[in-house]
Amino acid sequence: MISITIARKEGVDKEVVLVKNTTNRTLFGMESDNAVEELNEWLSLVGVNFNSIFFRRENLFGVFVKDAYVEHDVKLYFYKSINADIIPTMKEVIVERKVVEDGKEVVKNTLAYIGNFCGLTSIYLPKLDSEVFESSHKEALDKEGKLPVLKLGLEDTSIDVEFEQRVRENY
């Protein structure tokens, strides 16, 4: 599981995105006016679109903390195989892989699910080393011809302590 915290100060254009793993280690951090777009670029590889009907950008900033801060947590849960793993019930399907067979568009399999309970958004995605992810990743590379800006999940890198401290102080 990976936890994504998206935060911003009210009235300030800059956004902060922190991505942490289950041991609370920071995998990715960004502070800029387009941090959410950068995050979206990576998520789009597995089919999650911030502009989708289920996951609109304006809904990301929902909970006020400490007077001026706005924060929203997104939990990403990864599954290895669509057929083998049990995806929790009561989740909306947000991504379906569609292919054309005999001139008709057919849904082959589902890539992602989303659930929103008590102010926490949970997204269920294929694991990065699964066949499901590999095929969608290849499709994205073929389409875009380049790697995404974010390199998340394949290697466990942590950002420097100074950045995290700055985020804590300013956001």
Protein backbone atom coordinates (compact mmCIF):
# COMPACT_ATOMS: atom_id res chain seq x y z
CA MET A 1 0.00 0.00 0.00
CA ILE A 2 1.15 3.53 -0.75
CA SER A 3 -0.29 6.64 0.88
CA ILE A 4 -0.47 9.90 -1.04
CA THR A 5 -1.04 13.13 0.85
CA ILE A 6 -1.98 16.14 -1.23
CA ALA A 7 -1.95 19.44 0.63
CA ARG A 8 -2.01 23.15 0.02
CA LYS A 9 -2.41 26.35 1.99
CA GLU A 10 -5.63 28.20 1.42
CA GLY A 11 -5.04 31.09 -0.97
CA VAL A 12 -1.64 29.78 -2.08
CA ASP A 13 -1.04 28.32 -5.54
CA LYS A 14 1.66 25.87 -4.47
CA GLU A 15 0.68 22.27 -3.84
CA VAL A 16 2.54 19.64 -1.89
CA VAL A 17 2.45 15.97 -2.77
CA LEU A 18 4.02 13.39 -0.45
CA VAL A 19 4.00 9.70 -1.32
CA LYS A 20 4.84 7.23 1.44
CA ASN A 21 5.00 3.47 1.68
CA THR A 22 3.70 1.27 4.50
CA THR A 23 6.78 1.93 6.64
CA ASN A 24 6.07 5.68 6.37
CA ARG A 25 9.15 6.17 4.19
CA THR A 26 8.80 8.99 1.67
CA LEU A 27 9.05 7.70 -1.89
CA PHE A 28 8.27 10.95 -3.64
CA GLY A 29 7.85 14.57 -2.67
CA MET A 30 7.10 17.66 -4.68
CA GLU A 31 6.26 21.24 -3.84
CA SER A 32 5.15 23.26 -6.86
CA ASP A 33 2.18 24.83 -8.55
CA ASN A 34 1.68 21.69 -10.65
CA ALA A 35 2.52 18.89 -8.20
CA VAL A 36 -0.82 17.19 -8.75
CA GLU A 37 -0.28 17.14 -12.53
CA GLU A 38 3.14 15.54 -12.04
CA LEU A 39 1.56 12.89 -9.83
CA ASN A 40 -1.20 12.39 -12.39
CA GLU A 41 1.38 11.68 -15.08
CA TRP A 42 2.61 8.61 -13.21
CA LEU A 43 -0.84 7.46 -12.17
CA SER A 44 -2.04 7.65 -15.75
CA LEU A 45 0.24 4.70 -16.56
CA VAL A 46 -2.08 2.44 -14.61
CA GLY A 47 -5.18 4.21 -15.81
CA VAL A 48 -6.03 6.54 -12.94
CA ASN A 49 -7.06 9.92 -14.29
CA PHE A 50 -7.43 12.88 -11.93
CA ASN A 51 -9.87 14.39 -14.40
CA SER A 52 -12.13 11.35 -14.41
CA ILE A 53 -15.68 11.60 -13.17
CA PHE A 54 -14.77 9.64 -10.03
CA PHE A 55 -11.57 11.46 -9.16
CA ARG A 56 -11.95 15.13 -9.94
CA ARG A 57 -9.15 17.45 -8.94
CA GLU A 58 -11.39 19.78 -6.93
CA ASN A 59 -12.37 16.86 -4.71
CA LEU A 60 -8.77 16.20 -3.70
CA PHE A 61 -8.62 19.14 -1.33
CA GLY A 62 -11.38 18.35 1.10
CA VAL A 63 -10.38 18.35 4.76
CA PHE A 64 -9.20 21.42 6.64
CA VAL A 65 -6.43 20.93 9.17
CA LYS A 66 -4.71 23.50 11.39
CA ASP A 67 -6.86 26.46 10.30
CA ALA A 68 -5.31 27.21 6.90
CA TYR A 69 -4.19 23.82 5.65
CA VAL A 70 -6.11 21.57 3.33
CA GLU A 71 -5.22 17.91 3.09
CA HIS A 72 -6.57 14.78 1.48
CA ASP A 73 -5.24 11.25 1.79
CA VAL A 74 -5.33 8.78 -1.05
CA LYS A 75 -4.45 5.16 -0.31
CA LEU A 76 -3.25 3.05 -3.21
CA TYR A 77 -3.66 -0.69 -2.76
CA PHE A 78 -1.97 -2.97 -5.25
CA TYR A 79 -3.14 -6.36 -6.45
CA LYS A 80 -1.07 -8.87 -8.40
CA SER A 81 -3.67 -10.49 -10.61
CA ILE A 82 -7.20 -9.60 -11.53
CA ASN A 83 -8.30 -13.23 -11.45
CA ALA A 84 -6.42 -14.43 -8.37
CA ASP A 85 -6.89 -11.59 -5.92
CA ILE A 86 -10.14 -10.60 -4.30
CA ILE A 87 -10.88 -6.93 -4.84
CA PRO A 88 -12.91 -5.47 -1.95
CA THR A 89 -16.57 -4.99 -2.68
CA MET A 90 -18.41 -1.64 -2.70
CA LYS A 91 -15.84 -0.11 -5.02
CA GLU A 92 -16.53 1.81 -8.21
CA VAL A 93 -14.76 0.61 -11.34
CA ILE A 94 -12.70 3.52 -12.62
CA VAL A 95 -10.68 1.94 -15.40
CA GLU A 96 -11.59 -0.80 -17.81
CA ARG A 97 -9.30 -1.99 -20.55
CA LYS A 98 -11.20 -1.90 -23.82
CA VAL A 99 -10.08 -3.58 -27.01
CA VAL A 100 -11.63 -3.84 -30.44
CA GLU A 101 -12.57 -7.36 -31.53
CA ASP A 102 -14.46 -8.00 -34.75
CA GLY A 103 -15.20 -4.30 -35.07
CA LYS A 104 -16.74 -4.08 -31.57
CA GLU A 105 -15.30 -2.49 -28.45
CA VAL A 106 -15.01 -5.15 -25.75
CA VAL A 107 -14.07 -4.76 -22.07
CA LYS A 108 -11.21 -7.21 -21.52
CA ASN A 109 -10.43 -6.66 -17.86
CA THR A 110 -10.65 -4.05 -15.16
CA LEU A 111 -7.52 -2.22 -14.11
CA ALA A 112 -8.55 -0.06 -11.18
CA TYR A 113 -11.22 0.39 -8.55
CA ILE A 114 -11.95 3.33 -6.29
CA GLY A 115 -13.74 3.72 -2.96
CA ASN A 116 -14.36 6.90 -0.98
CA PHE A 117 -15.26 6.38 2.67
CA CYS A 118 -15.09 8.84 5.57
CA GLY A 119 -12.95 11.35 3.67
CA LEU A 120 -10.37 8.77 2.60
CA THR A 121 -10.05 7.81 -1.06
CA SER A 122 -8.89 4.24 -1.64
CA ILE A 123 -7.69 3.17 -5.07
CA TYR A 124 -6.98 -0.42 -6.01
CA LEU A 125 -4.39 -0.82 -8.77
CA PRO A 126 -2.39 -3.65 -10.34
CA LYS A 127 1.07 -4.19 -8.88
CA LEU A 128 3.90 -2.67 -10.86
CA ASP A 129 5.50 -6.05 -11.54
CA SER A 130 2.27 -7.73 -12.60
CA GLU A 131 1.37 -8.65 -16.15
CA VAL A 132 -1.58 -6.28 -15.95
CA PHE A 133 0.68 -3.32 -15.16
CA GLU A 134 3.35 -4.35 -17.64
CA SER A 135 0.92 -4.42 -20.53
CA SER A 136 -0.66 -1.06 -19.60
CA HIS A 137 2.83 0.40 -19.06
CA LYS A 138 3.92 -0.80 -22.51
CA GLU A 139 0.80 0.70 -24.06
CA ALA A 140 1.54 4.03 -22.38
CA LEU A 141 5.16 3.99 -23.57
CA ASP A 142 4.09 3.10 -27.10
CA LYS A 143 1.59 5.92 -27.05
CA GLU A 144 3.75 8.59 -25.42
CA GLY A 145 7.18 7.38 -26.50
CA LYS A 146 8.74 8.40 -23.19
CA LEU A 147 8.85 7.51 -19.53
CA PRO A 148 6.69 9.45 -17.08
CA VAL A 149 8.18 12.22 -14.98
CA LEU A 150 7.64 10.30 -11.76
CA LYS A 151 9.53 7.10 -11.10
CA LEU A 152 7.50 5.67 -8.28
CA GLY A 153 7.27 2.22 -6.81
CA LEU A 154 9.83 0.39 -8.92
CA GLU A 155 12.68 1.58 -6.76
CA ASP A 156 12.46 2.59 -3.13
CA THR A 157 14.15 5.98 -3.16
CA SER A 158 13.59 8.58 -0.48
CA ILE A 159 13.74 12.34 -0.80
CA ASP A 160 16.05 14.33 1.39
CA VAL A 161 15.19 15.19 4.96
CA GLU A 162 15.39 18.94 4.26
CA PHE A 163 12.46 18.77 1.84
CA GLU A 164 10.31 16.85 4.29
CA GLN A 165 11.20 19.29 7.07
CA ARG A 166 10.32 22.25 4.83
CA VAL A 167 6.95 20.69 4.05
CA ARG A 168 6.23 20.16 7.75
CA GLU A 169 7.14 23.77 8.55
CA ASN A 170 5.35 25.44 5.66
CA TYR A 171 2.46 23.12 5.01
